[in-house]
Amino acid sequence: MPGGNAFVQTVPFAAVPCIGMVFDIAGSSSMVMLDPVALETTMGHGDPVIAAAGSVGSQIKVRVSGSWLIANIRSLKLVDGHEDRIAAQVDFLGEGDEEKLTGKLYNFRRGVTRYPTPGYPVYPVSTADLTQVYAADERANIEIGTVYPTPDIRAALYVDALLGKHFALLGSTGTGKSTAAALILHRICELAPQGHIVMVDPHGEYAAAFKGNGAIYDVSNLQMPYWLMNFAEHCEVFVTASGAERQIDADILAKCLLAARAKGRLGQEISKLTVDAPVPYLLSDLSNLIQLEMGKLDRAGDTAPYLRLKTKIDEIKVDPRYGFMFSGMLVADTMGAFLERIFRLPGDGKPISIIDVSGVPSEITSVVVAVLARMVFDFAIWSRGEAQRPILLVCEEAHRYIPSGQHADFSSVGRILSRIAKEGRKYGVALGLITQRPSDLAEGVLSQCGTIIAMRLNNDRDQAFVRAAMPEGARGFLDSIPALRNREAIVCGEGVAIPIRVAFDTLADDKRPASDDPVFSRLWRETGGEGEMITRTLKRWRAQGR
């Protein structure tokens, strides 16, 4: 390598300053030597992208056989014994053609056809280069913000790739994750006003954001018929025993449930009725059938499993908290109307359903989410051969429903969401996972997401988990995750041309979720009306309703 600052200048374009040379080539991750003096001369450049050249997260370019290779700087260090040289580890992202007269880059594409050899000069990219790199092609796309560090280059997500191969939005509490999710969904709704989106909202945040272009459902109007549950979901609600006794109770429930479904099939001819078929039945019929089975026993000691089941069913029937699902008014065959409402078929200009499960009793929240997710998946399977109506299922706080650990596969919701992650795209079901604890997700689920949108993650374990799920070329971007500002994210995968750092657009107040943190310094100065507030709160608390 030449001494001093004598880097070889082989490109005749004086407007493009050489800032170093290729030192080591090793596939996607390589090494370049940067000249601190040359970098210093770029700092006063009028182009903010060139001025930021040589910093971690910035891009450089190398000219090879009439093409420009674009690489991202992953790390920097001084070279031992050569303090006038900086070693930069880089990841090659893609290449674009070179315009012969001006040397400008155009027609950028992911992947590298031919790598440079050591000694090739290195140049900073310009705003014009990045405009070409991040320009959305003819594919359907949505704009979500600006590309760092530029003030005006737009960041786009390719909708078909984003949804066709699932996506995950990750970020610690307080980083703007909910607002980013609302922004992405608003953009999708604007692009596809006749779309079909189902969002599970565990905190009741998103109703405020989509009251203008979405259908809002909670315990007051969800009206989800209990008989939509399959056998496994019935067991999660009605079977309270554990160990060997659980299997005994489940066998009794299976026999009586099948008989109840057969009794309530509404005259429809079903040649092979199964315990999982979504056929309406009366809870009173199920309870009476259990009573009849118990009456056939010779010994009183055998009645305990029957009594456990009957007691649980009768308890749920009279509990008003379960009325949205187990009301006697929901016994009619309303499955078609339920699917029309929830899946937005047709959407009537409101393509998203917000399912607010914050008022659902915690004991059955996972079952409600399991039924919704399974309805989406089963509808996609059984409607094959019909006109395609792809559905996007978005799960906020996804780590609740697909937890890691040995018990993950024992819950209905964990099984169905894991299956959608693995097989959903074959049937036209897209999955969007939103979580603040990616390391708590079941192993393998995150790797099924083709696009990952990572906001700031404060936990080392979460950072390592996300880094392991990312493609090799995005590792340099991921190193900056702990340093991201609020409303910034690293986006990589199928939904973008190359990995990008993006600053999200600002949403209008009426389109933001109701997730703002309390301002303690202001609220703790306010006083008055506490007695009336407590009275109203206790009334709602005791009535278990809002």
Protein backbone atom coordinates (compact mmCIF):
# COMPACT_ATOMS: atom_id res chain seq x y z
CA MET A 1 0.00 0.00 0.00
CA PRO A 2 1.43 3.46 -0.85
CA GLY A 3 2.79 5.52 2.02
CA GLY A 4 1.50 8.93 3.14
CA ASN A 5 -1.62 10.02 1.30
CA ALA A 6 -0.64 8.65 -2.10
CA PHE A 7 -3.80 6.73 -2.90
CA VAL A 8 -4.00 5.83 -6.58
CA GLN A 9 -6.60 7.97 -8.45
CA THR A 10 -7.82 5.89 -11.40
CA VAL A 11 -11.20 7.56 -12.06
CA PRO A 12 -10.99 10.75 -14.13
CA PHE A 13 -13.91 12.50 -12.47
CA ALA A 14 -12.45 15.28 -10.33
CA ALA A 15 -15.80 15.78 -8.58
CA VAL A 16 -15.49 12.31 -7.00
CA PRO A 17 -12.85 12.40 -4.22
CA CYS A 18 -10.92 9.21 -3.52
CA ILE A 19 -10.97 8.41 0.21
CA GLY A 20 -9.14 5.09 0.35
CA MET A 21 -8.52 1.75 -1.28
CA VAL A 22 -9.67 -1.86 -1.12
CA PHE A 23 -7.41 -3.86 1.18
CA ASP A 24 -8.99 -7.27 1.70
CA ILE A 25 -11.83 -9.05 -0.14
CA ALA A 26 -13.79 -11.82 1.55
CA GLY A 27 -17.23 -12.08 -0.04
CA SER A 28 -19.93 -9.92 1.54
CA SER A 29 -17.64 -8.74 4.36
CA SER A 30 -14.40 -7.11 3.23
CA MET A 31 -11.85 -4.53 4.38
CA VAL A 32 -10.91 -1.12 2.97
CA MET A 33 -8.23 1.32 4.09
CA LEU A 34 -9.44 4.90 4.50
CA ASP A 35 -7.29 8.03 4.40
CA PRO A 36 -8.13 10.37 7.36
CA VAL A 37 -6.85 13.41 5.43
CA ALA A 38 -9.08 12.65 2.45
CA LEU A 39 -12.02 12.05 4.79
CA GLU A 40 -11.41 15.40 6.47
CA THR A 41 -11.64 17.19 3.13
CA THR A 42 -15.11 15.70 2.58
CA MET A 43 -16.47 17.05 5.88
CA GLY A 44 -17.06 20.53 4.47
CA HIS A 45 -18.68 19.20 1.32
CA GLY A 46 -22.06 20.74 0.50
CA ASP A 47 -23.55 17.26 0.01
CA PRO A 48 -24.47 15.98 3.51
CA VAL A 49 -24.01 12.36 2.40
CA ILE A 50 -20.45 12.95 1.19
CA ALA A 51 -19.75 15.02 4.31
CA ALA A 52 -20.67 11.98 6.44
CA ALA A 53 -18.33 9.68 4.46
CA GLY A 54 -16.22 7.30 6.46
CA SER A 55 -18.50 7.04 9.50
CA VAL A 56 -20.04 3.80 10.73
CA GLY A 57 -23.31 3.22 8.88
CA SER A 58 -22.34 5.35 5.86
CA GLN A 59 -21.81 3.94 2.38
CA ILE A 60 -18.83 3.83 0.04
CA LYS A 61 -18.53 2.80 -3.62
CA VAL A 62 -15.96 1.01 -5.73
CA ARG A 63 -15.74 1.06 -9.53
CA VAL A 64 -15.41 -2.40 -11.13
CA SER A 65 -15.71 -3.07 -14.89
CA GLY A 66 -18.07 -0.22 -15.68
CA SER A 67 -20.19 -0.76 -12.56
CA TRP A 68 -20.32 0.86 -9.14
CA LEU A 69 -20.36 -1.48 -6.14
CA ILE A 70 -22.05 -0.04 -3.04
CA ALA A 71 -20.92 -1.15 0.41
CA ASN A 72 -21.90 -0.24 3.97
CA ILE A 73 -19.27 0.54 6.63
CA ARG A 74 -19.71 -1.83 9.56
CA SER A 75 -16.76 -0.93 11.81
CA LEU A 76 -13.65 1.29 11.95
CA LYS A 77 -10.27 0.99 13.67
CA LEU A 78 -6.81 2.52 13.46
CA VAL A 79 -4.15 0.37 11.81
CA ASP A 80 -1.38 -0.61 14.25
CA GLY A 81 1.79 1.28 13.40
CA HIS A 82 0.01 3.37 10.76
CA GLU A 83 -2.01 6.00 12.60
CA ASP A 84 -2.62 7.75 9.27
CA ARG A 85 -4.69 4.78 8.08
CA ILE A 86 -8.16 3.63 9.17
CA ALA A 87 -9.27 0.04 8.56
CA ALA A 88 -12.97 -0.20 7.76
CA GLN A 89 -14.91 -3.45 7.63
CA VAL A 90 -17.58 -3.19 4.91
CA ASP A 91 -20.51 -5.25 3.66
CA PHE A 92 -21.25 -5.14 -0.07
CA LEU A 93 -24.93 -4.42 -0.72
CA GLY A 94 -25.32 -4.33 -4.50
CA GLU A 95 -24.23 -2.73 -7.75
CA GLY A 96 -25.37 -0.23 -10.33
CA ASP A 97 -24.34 0.69 -13.84
CA GLU A 98 -21.99 3.65 -14.51
CA GLU A 99 -23.04 6.45 -16.81
CA LYS A 100 -20.02 6.83 -19.10
CA LEU A 101 -19.90 10.62 -19.47
CA THR A 102 -20.60 11.66 -15.88
CA GLY A 103 -19.64 8.54 -13.92
CA LYS A 104 -22.97 8.61 -12.11
CA LEU A 105 -24.68 5.48 -10.84
CA TYR A 106 -28.00 4.22 -12.22
CA ASN A 107 -30.03 1.00 -12.45
CA PHE A 108 -29.04 -0.20 -8.97
CA ARG A 109 -29.76 -3.85 -8.04
CA ARG A 110 -29.10 -6.10 -5.08
CA GLY A 111 -26.18 -8.53 -5.27
CA VAL A 112 -22.66 -8.37 -6.67
CA THR A 113 -21.62 -9.79 -10.04
CA ARG A 114 -17.88 -9.17 -9.76
CA TYR A 115 -15.87 -8.19 -6.69
CA PRO A 116 -12.96 -5.72 -6.78
CA THR A 117 -9.40 -6.79 -6.09
CA PRO A 118 -7.14 -5.23 -3.43
CA GLY A 119 -5.79 -1.86 -4.53
CA TYR A 120 -8.99 -0.56 -6.15
CA PRO A 121 -9.80 3.03 -5.07
CA VAL A 122 -12.75 3.75 -2.80
CA TYR A 123 -15.09 6.77 -3.08
CA PRO A 124 -17.89 8.21 -0.97
CA VAL A 125 -21.41 7.90 -2.27
CA SER A 126 -23.34 11.10 -2.98
CA THR A 127 -26.95 12.08 -2.45
CA ALA A 128 -27.49 11.49 -6.18
CA ASP A 129 -26.10 7.97 -5.78
CA LEU A 130 -28.38 7.19 -2.84
CA THR A 131 -31.35 8.58 -4.72
CA GLN A 132 -30.70 5.91 -7.36
CA VAL A 133 -29.99 3.20 -4.77
CA TYR A 134 -33.19 3.77 -2.83
CA ALA A 135 -35.43 4.72 -5.76
CA ALA A 136 -38.55 2.57 -5.75
CA ASP A 137 -38.93 0.68 -9.00
CA GLU A 138 -42.20 -0.11 -10.74
CA ARG A 139 -43.36 -2.46 -7.98
CA ALA A 140 -46.19 -1.37 -5.64
CA ASN A 141 -44.63 0.44 -2.68
CA ILE A 142 -45.40 2.67 0.28
CA GLU A 143 -43.22 5.53 1.55
CA ILE A 144 -42.65 5.51 5.30
CA GLY A 145 -39.94 8.13 5.89
CA THR A 146 -36.52 9.42 4.86
CA VAL A 147 -33.25 7.56 4.46
CA TYR A 148 -30.55 8.40 7.03
CA PRO A 149 -28.50 10.62 6.82
CA THR A 150 -30.32 12.45 3.98
CA PRO A 151 -33.07 15.00 4.59
CA ASP A 152 -35.19 14.19 1.55
CA ILE A 153 -34.49 10.76 0.00
CA ARG A 154 -37.65 8.74 0.55
CA ALA A 155 -37.60 5.27 2.08
CA ALA A 156 -40.03 2.85 0.46
CA LEU A 157 -41.29 -0.62 1.34
CA TYR A 158 -42.33 -3.01 -1.42
CA VAL A 159 -45.81 -4.06 -0.33
CA ASP A 160 -46.06 -7.43 -2.09
CA ALA A 161 -42.68 -8.60 -0.76
CA LEU A 162 -43.39 -7.12 2.70
CA LEU A 163 -46.68 -8.98 3.06
CA GLY A 164 -45.97 -12.04 0.94
CA LYS A 165 -43.14 -13.18 3.20
CA HIS A 166 -44.32 -11.74 6.54
CA PHE A 167 -42.73 -8.91 8.52
CA ALA A 168 -41.72 -8.10 12.10
CA LEU A 169 -41.57 -4.69 13.81
CA LEU A 170 -39.31 -4.73 16.86
CA GLY A 171 -38.45 -2.03 19.37
CA SER A 172 -38.18 -1.33 23.09
CA THR A 173 -40.97 0.50 24.90
CA GLY A 174 -40.95 4.23 24.19
CA THR A 175 -39.15 4.11 20.84
CA GLY A 176 -42.27 4.92 18.79
CA LYS A 177 -43.08 1.33 17.85
CA SER A 178 -46.88 1.72 18.00
CA THR A 179 -46.80 4.92 15.95
CA ALA A 180 -44.53 3.23 13.38
CA ALA A 181 -46.96 0.30 13.15
CA ALA A 182 -49.88 2.70 12.67
CA LEU A 183 -47.93 4.58 9.98
CA ILE A 184 -47.17 1.42 7.99
CA LEU A 185 -50.77 0.18 8.24
CA HIS A 186 -52.17 3.60 7.26
CA ARG A 187 -49.93 3.64 4.18
CA ILE A 188 -51.07 0.13 3.23
CA CYS A 189 -54.73 1.13 3.70
CA GLU A 190 -54.20 4.18 1.47
CA LEU A 191 -52.62 2.00 -1.21
CA ALA A 192 -55.30 -0.71 -0.93
CA PRO A 193 -58.60 0.74 0.34
CA GLN A 194 -60.30 -2.59 -0.44
CA GLY A 195 -57.73 -4.64 1.49
CA HIS A 196 -58.31 -7.13 4.29
CA ILE A 197 -56.34 -6.52 7.49
CA VAL A 198 -57.06 -7.97 10.95
CA MET A 199 -55.12 -6.46 13.86
CA VAL A 200 -55.10 -7.91 17.37
CA ASP A 201 -54.75 -4.98 19.78
CA PRO A 202 -54.10 -6.10 23.40
CA HIS A 203 -54.02 -2.60 24.93
CA GLY A 204 -56.80 -0.74 23.13
CA GLU A 205 -54.31 1.68 21.55
CA TYR A 206 -55.17 1.51 17.86
CA ALA A 207 -58.89 2.31 17.87
CA ALA A 208 -58.02 6.02 18.09
CA ALA A 209 -55.70 5.71 15.07
CA PHE A 210 -58.13 3.94 12.73
CA LYS A 211 -61.53 5.29 13.70
CA GLY A 212 -61.75 6.99 10.29
CA ASN A 213 -60.70 4.11 8.03
CA GLY A 214 -61.15 0.99 10.13
CA ALA A 215 -63.80 -1.14 11.83
CA ILE A 216 -63.33 -1.22 15.61
CA TYR A 217 -64.38 -4.29 17.61
CA ASP A 218 -64.17 -4.91 21.36
CA VAL A 219 -66.14 -6.93 23.92
CA SER A 220 -69.17 -4.71 23.35
CA ASN A 221 -69.63 -5.61 19.66
CA LEU A 222 -67.25 -8.46 18.75
CA GLN A 223 -69.95 -11.16 19.12
CA MET A 224 -67.64 -14.10 18.50
CA PRO A 225 -69.66 -17.35 18.70
CA TYR A 226 -68.20 -19.86 21.16
CA TRP A 227 -68.93 -22.77 18.81
CA LEU A 228 -66.24 -21.48 16.42
CA MET A 229 -63.67 -22.96 18.82
CA ASN A 230 -62.10 -26.25 17.81
CA PHE A 231 -61.62 -29.09 20.30
CA ALA A 232 -58.19 -27.92 21.55
CA GLU A 233 -59.57 -24.45 22.24
CA HIS A 234 -62.58 -25.93 24.04
CA CYS A 235 -60.17 -27.82 26.26
CA GLU A 236 -58.27 -24.64 27.13
CA VAL A 237 -61.49 -22.99 28.27
CA PHE A 238 -63.44 -25.84 29.89
CA VAL A 239 -60.82 -28.34 31.14
CA THR A 240 -59.35 -27.20 34.46
CA ALA A 241 -57.64 -30.41 35.61
CA SER A 242 -53.95 -31.15 35.12
CA GLY A 243 -51.79 -34.24 34.76
CA ALA A 244 -53.52 -37.58 34.08
CA GLU A 245 -56.91 -36.15 35.08
CA ARG A 246 -56.73 -33.63 32.23
CA GLN A 247 -56.77 -36.36 29.61
CA ILE A 248 -59.77 -38.02 31.26
CA ASP A 249 -61.71 -34.73 31.25
CA ALA A 250 -60.71 -34.07 27.63
CA ASP A 251 -61.97 -37.49 26.50
CA ILE A 252 -65.33 -36.87 28.14
CA LEU A 253 -65.56 -33.39 26.60
CA ALA A 254 -64.72 -34.75 23.13
CA LYS A 255 -67.50 -37.33 23.26
CA CYS A 256 -70.14 -34.89 24.53
CA LEU A 257 -69.05 -32.03 22.25
CA LEU A 258 -69.37 -34.22 19.15
CA ALA A 259 -72.85 -35.26 20.25
CA ALA A 260 -73.84 -31.62 20.90
CA ARG A 261 -72.60 -30.56 17.44
CA ALA A 262 -74.52 -33.45 15.85
CA LYS A 263 -77.69 -32.33 17.63
CA GLY A 264 -77.34 -28.70 16.52
CA ARG A 265 -76.25 -29.07 12.89
CA LEU A 266 -79.22 -26.98 11.74
CA GLY A 267 -80.43 -29.50 9.19
CA GLN A 268 -77.19 -29.28 7.16
CA GLU A 269 -76.07 -32.63 5.83
CA ILE A 270 -72.51 -33.28 7.04
CA SER A 271 -71.31 -36.76 6.10
CA LYS A 272 -68.34 -36.82 8.45
CA LEU A 273 -68.96 -34.50 11.38
CA THR A 274 -65.87 -33.98 13.54
CA VAL A 275 -65.38 -32.46 16.95
CA ASP A 276 -63.46 -29.56 15.31
CA ALA A 277 -66.13 -28.61 12.75
CA PRO A 278 -67.52 -25.07 13.35
CA VAL A 279 -71.13 -26.26 13.73
CA PRO A 280 -73.42 -24.36 16.14
CA TYR A 281 -74.57 -26.10 19.32
CA LEU A 282 -76.21 -25.05 22.58
CA LEU A 283 -74.11 -24.81 25.73
CA SER A 284 -77.12 -26.17 27.60
CA ASP A 285 -77.06 -29.23 25.31
CA LEU A 286 -73.38 -29.79 26.09
CA SER A 287 -74.04 -29.46 29.81
CA ASN A 288 -77.02 -31.84 29.65
CA LEU A 289 -75.07 -34.42 27.66
CA ILE A 290 -72.32 -34.38 30.30
CA GLN A 291 -75.03 -34.84 32.95
CA LEU A 292 -76.47 -37.81 31.04
CA GLU A 293 -73.06 -39.45 30.69
CA MET A 294 -72.48 -38.98 34.39
CA GLY A 295 -75.85 -40.65 35.10
CA LYS A 296 -74.70 -43.82 33.33
CA LEU A 297 -71.98 -44.44 35.92
CA ASP A 298 -72.35 -47.14 38.56
CA ARG A 299 -69.94 -45.70 41.15
CA ALA A 300 -70.15 -42.22 42.64
CA GLY A 301 -66.37 -41.92 42.69
CA ASP A 302 -66.20 -41.64 38.92
CA THR A 303 -68.34 -38.47 38.74
CA ALA A 304 -65.55 -35.98 39.55
CA PRO A 305 -64.44 -35.35 35.90
CA TYR A 306 -68.05 -34.78 34.81
CA LEU A 307 -68.71 -32.42 37.70
CA ARG A 308 -65.57 -30.42 36.93
CA LEU A 309 -66.61 -29.93 33.31
CA LYS A 310 -70.25 -29.15 34.08
CA THR A 311 -69.32 -26.68 36.82
CA LYS A 312 -66.90 -24.80 34.54
CA ILE A 313 -69.43 -24.60 31.68
CA ASP A 314 -72.19 -23.36 33.98
CA GLU A 315 -69.82 -20.84 35.55
CA ILE A 316 -68.86 -19.34 32.17
CA LYS A 317 -72.50 -19.21 31.00
CA VAL A 318 -73.49 -16.87 33.85
CA ASP A 319 -70.32 -14.74 33.98
CA PRO A 320 -71.08 -11.41 32.21
CA ARG A 321 -67.40 -10.92 31.33
CA TYR A 322 -67.70 -13.82 28.88
CA GLY A 323 -70.90 -12.51 27.29
CA PHE A 324 -69.15 -11.34 24.11
CA MET A 325 -68.44 -14.99 23.30
CA PHE A 326 -70.67 -17.27 25.39
CA SER A 327 -73.95 -15.40 25.25
CA GLY A 328 -77.08 -17.43 24.52
CA MET A 329 -77.73 -14.95 21.69
CA LEU A 330 -74.74 -16.31 19.74
CA VAL A 331 -76.08 -19.79 19.09
CA ALA A 332 -77.48 -18.96 15.64
CA ASP A 333 -75.40 -19.74 12.58
CA THR A 334 -73.76 -16.31 12.20
CA MET A 335 -70.39 -17.57 10.96
CA GLY A 336 -70.77 -16.01 7.49
CA ALA A 337 -71.68 -12.60 8.91
CA PHE A 338 -68.85 -12.81 11.45
CA LEU A 339 -66.27 -13.51 8.73
CA GLU A 340 -67.64 -10.69 6.57
CA ARG A 341 -67.28 -8.19 9.42
CA ILE A 342 -63.90 -9.27 10.72
CA PHE A 343 -62.19 -9.93 7.37
CA ARG A 344 -63.71 -6.83 5.71
CA LEU A 345 -65.39 -8.76 2.88
CA PRO A 346 -66.19 -6.32 1.35
CA GLY A 347 -64.22 -3.58 3.07
CA ASP A 348 -66.45 -0.58 2.20
CA GLY A 349 -63.41 1.69 2.30
CA LYS A 350 -62.45 0.47 5.80
CA PRO A 351 -59.90 -2.26 5.05
CA ILE A 352 -58.70 -2.86 8.62
CA SER A 353 -60.40 -4.51 11.60
CA ILE A 354 -59.02 -3.52 14.99
CA ILE A 355 -59.80 -6.31 17.48
CA ASP A 356 -59.42 -4.72 20.92
CA VAL A 357 -58.93 -7.62 23.36
CA SER A 358 -58.02 -5.43 26.34
CA GLY A 359 -61.50 -6.06 27.85
CA VAL A 360 -61.34 -9.83 27.36
CA PRO A 361 -60.79 -11.81 30.61
CA SER A 362 -57.12 -12.70 30.81
CA GLU A 363 -57.95 -16.42 31.24
CA ILE A 364 -59.28 -16.68 27.68
CA THR A 365 -57.42 -13.89 25.84
CA SER A 366 -55.07 -16.38 24.19
CA VAL A 367 -58.05 -18.54 23.13
CA VAL A 368 -59.78 -15.53 21.53
CA VAL A 369 -56.62 -14.68 19.59
CA ALA A 370 -56.23 -18.36 18.65
CA VAL A 371 -59.77 -18.47 17.23
CA LEU A 372 -59.23 -15.27 15.23
CA ALA A 373 -55.90 -16.48 13.83
CA ARG A 374 -57.28 -19.92 13.01
CA MET A 375 -60.33 -18.41 11.31
CA VAL A 376 -57.97 -16.44 9.06
CA PHE A 377 -55.91 -19.52 8.21
CA ASP A 378 -58.79 -21.98 7.84
CA PHE A 379 -60.73 -19.53 5.65
CA ALA A 380 -57.71 -19.25 3.36
CA ILE A 381 -57.42 -23.05 3.14
CA TRP A 382 -61.11 -23.80 2.55
CA SER A 383 -61.57 -20.94 0.05
CA ARG A 384 -58.95 -22.28 -2.35
CA GLY A 385 -60.43 -22.36 -5.83
CA GLU A 386 -62.42 -19.20 -5.12
CA ALA A 387 -61.36 -15.65 -6.03
CA GLN A 388 -58.26 -14.89 -3.96
CA ARG A 389 -58.69 -12.54 -1.00
CA PRO A 390 -55.34 -12.41 0.82
CA ILE A 391 -55.54 -11.38 4.49
CA LEU A 392 -52.94 -9.66 6.67
CA LEU A 393 -53.00 -10.67 10.35
CA VAL A 394 -51.11 -8.27 12.63
CA CYS A 395 -50.32 -9.27 16.23
CA GLU A 396 -49.22 -6.59 18.69
CA GLU A 397 -47.27 -7.92 21.72
CA ALA A 398 -46.56 -11.07 19.70
CA HIS A 399 -44.28 -12.55 22.38
CA ARG A 400 -47.40 -13.10 24.52
CA TYR A 401 -48.89 -15.49 21.98
CA ILE A 402 -45.82 -17.21 20.50
CA PRO A 403 -43.56 -17.46 23.55
CA SER A 404 -40.21 -19.21 23.57
CA GLY A 405 -39.62 -22.12 25.90
CA GLN A 406 -40.78 -25.68 26.35
CA HIS A 407 -44.48 -24.81 26.77
CA ALA A 408 -44.78 -22.73 23.61
CA ASP A 409 -46.31 -25.48 21.48
CA PHE A 410 -48.91 -26.50 24.06
CA SER A 411 -51.10 -23.43 23.54
CA SER A 412 -53.53 -23.21 20.62
CA VAL A 413 -52.50 -19.66 19.79
CA GLY A 414 -48.81 -20.55 19.71
CA ARG A 415 -49.45 -23.49 17.40
CA ILE A 416 -51.62 -21.60 14.91
CA LEU A 417 -49.42 -18.50 14.71
CA SER A 418 -46.31 -20.66 14.27
CA ARG A 419 -48.10 -22.52 11.48
CA ILE A 420 -49.11 -19.27 9.78
CA ALA A 421 -45.48 -18.09 10.00
CA LYS A 422 -44.32 -21.28 8.28
CA GLU A 423 -47.13 -21.96 5.79
CA GLY A 424 -49.31 -18.85 5.58
CA ARG A 425 -47.83 -17.38 2.43
CA LYS A 426 -48.80 -20.51 0.46
CA TYR A 427 -52.44 -19.78 1.20
CA GLY A 428 -52.42 -15.98 0.97
CA VAL A 429 -52.16 -15.23 4.70
CA ALA A 430 -49.61 -12.57 5.67
CA LEU A 431 -48.37 -12.20 9.24
CA GLY A 432 -47.13 -9.03 10.91
CA LEU A 433 -45.52 -9.43 14.33
CA ILE A 434 -44.96 -6.46 16.64
CA THR A 435 -43.01 -6.99 19.86
CA GLN A 436 -40.74 -5.27 22.34
CA ARG A 437 -39.07 -8.54 23.39
CA PRO A 438 -37.99 -10.45 20.27
CA SER A 439 -35.86 -12.81 22.36
CA ASP A 440 -39.07 -14.04 24.02
CA LEU A 441 -40.54 -15.14 20.68
CA ALA A 442 -40.59 -18.84 19.86
CA GLU A 443 -37.40 -19.94 18.17
CA GLY A 444 -37.63 -19.87 14.40
CA VAL A 445 -40.67 -17.56 14.13
CA LEU A 446 -38.61 -14.40 13.61
CA SER A 447 -36.53 -16.13 10.94
CA GLN A 448 -39.75 -16.77 8.99
CA CYS A 449 -40.26 -13.00 8.63
CA GLY A 450 -38.85 -11.87 5.29
CA THR A 451 -38.68 -8.21 6.35
CA ILE A 452 -37.47 -7.03 9.75
CA ILE A 453 -38.00 -3.46 10.94
CA ALA A 454 -35.81 -3.01 14.01
CA MET A 455 -36.11 0.10 16.16
CA ARG A 456 -33.92 0.73 19.20
CA LEU A 457 -33.49 -2.33 21.42
CA ASN A 458 -31.98 -1.69 24.84
CA ASN A 459 -31.55 -5.30 25.90
CA ASP A 460 -28.36 -7.12 24.84
CA ARG A 461 -30.21 -10.43 24.54
CA ASP A 462 -32.79 -8.91 22.20
CA GLN A 463 -30.07 -7.31 20.07
CA ALA A 464 -28.23 -10.63 19.74
CA PHE A 465 -31.47 -12.44 18.86
CA VAL A 466 -32.31 -9.98 16.08
CA ARG A 467 -28.75 -9.97 14.76
CA ALA A 468 -28.86 -13.77 14.43
CA ALA A 469 -32.06 -13.55 12.38
CA MET A 470 -30.70 -10.93 9.96
CA PRO A 471 -28.99 -11.61 6.63
CA GLU A 472 -25.20 -11.27 6.67
CA GLY A 473 -25.16 -8.06 4.63
CA ALA A 474 -27.28 -6.23 7.21
CA ARG A 475 -25.01 -6.88 10.21
CA GLY A 476 -23.29 -3.52 9.91
CA PHE A 477 -26.62 -1.73 10.11
CA LEU A 478 -27.64 -3.79 13.12
CA ASP A 479 -24.63 -2.64 15.10
CA SER A 480 -26.25 0.79 15.22
CA ILE A 481 -29.52 -0.46 16.76
CA PRO A 482 -28.62 0.61 20.34
CA ALA A 483 -27.84 4.13 19.03
CA LEU A 484 -31.06 4.67 17.08
CA ARG A 485 -33.15 7.67 18.01
CA ASN A 486 -36.88 7.47 18.66
CA ARG A 487 -38.89 6.99 15.45
CA GLU A 488 -35.84 5.57 13.62
CA ALA A 489 -35.40 1.99 12.45
CA ILE A 490 -33.16 -0.36 10.51
CA VAL A 491 -35.15 -2.08 7.74
CA CYS A 492 -33.76 -5.09 5.92
CA GLY A 493 -35.02 -8.09 4.01
CA GLU A 494 -37.41 -8.65 1.12
CA GLY A 495 -39.39 -5.44 1.58
CA VAL A 496 -36.49 -3.12 0.70
CA ALA A 497 -33.92 -3.01 -2.10
CA ILE A 498 -31.04 -3.00 0.40
CA PRO A 499 -30.88 -2.54 4.19
CA ILE A 500 -31.68 1.05 5.17
CA ARG A 501 -31.79 3.24 8.23
CA VAL A 502 -34.99 5.24 8.10
CA ALA A 503 -36.50 8.14 10.04
CA PHE A 504 -40.26 7.59 10.09
CA ASP A 505 -42.66 10.26 8.89
CA THR A 506 -44.70 12.15 11.47
CA LEU A 507 -48.31 11.03 11.72
CA ALA A 508 -51.23 13.42 12.16
CA ASP A 509 -52.64 13.41 15.70
CA ASP A 510 -55.92 11.80 14.61
CA LYS A 511 -54.01 8.88 13.05
CA ARG A 512 -51.77 8.12 16.02
CA PRO A 513 -52.45 5.32 18.52
CA ALA A 514 -53.37 6.27 22.07
CA SER A 515 -50.03 5.16 23.50
CA ASP A 516 -48.44 8.40 24.72
CA ASP A 517 -46.56 8.13 28.00
CA PRO A 518 -47.93 10.13 30.97
CA VAL A 519 -46.13 13.42 31.64
CA PHE A 520 -45.47 13.05 35.38
CA SER A 521 -44.01 16.52 35.85
CA ARG A 522 -47.25 18.09 34.58
CA LEU A 523 -49.89 15.63 35.76
CA TRP A 524 -48.59 15.58 39.33
CA ARG A 525 -49.21 19.31 39.59
CA GLU A 526 -52.93 18.89 38.83
CA THR A 527 -55.49 18.39 41.60
CA GLY A 528 -59.24 18.38 42.16
CA GLY A 529 -62.13 15.99 41.47
CA GLU A 530 -60.38 12.92 42.89
CA GLY A 531 -63.44 11.74 44.82
CA GLU A 532 -65.69 11.70 41.75
CA MET A 533 -62.95 10.03 39.72
CA ILE A 534 -62.63 7.22 42.28
CA THR A 535 -66.41 6.74 42.38
CA ARG A 536 -66.65 6.41 38.59
CA THR A 537 -63.63 4.11 38.50
CA LEU A 538 -65.06 1.79 41.17
CA LYS A 539 -68.37 1.61 39.33
CA ARG A 540 -66.67 0.43 36.13
CA TRP A 541 -64.32 -1.83 38.11
CA ARG A 542 -67.13 -3.64 39.91
CA ALA A 543 -69.26 -3.89 36.78
CA GLN A 544 -66.21 -5.20 34.88
CA GLY A 545 -67.08 -2.96 31.95
CA ARG A 546 -66.27 0.41 30.47
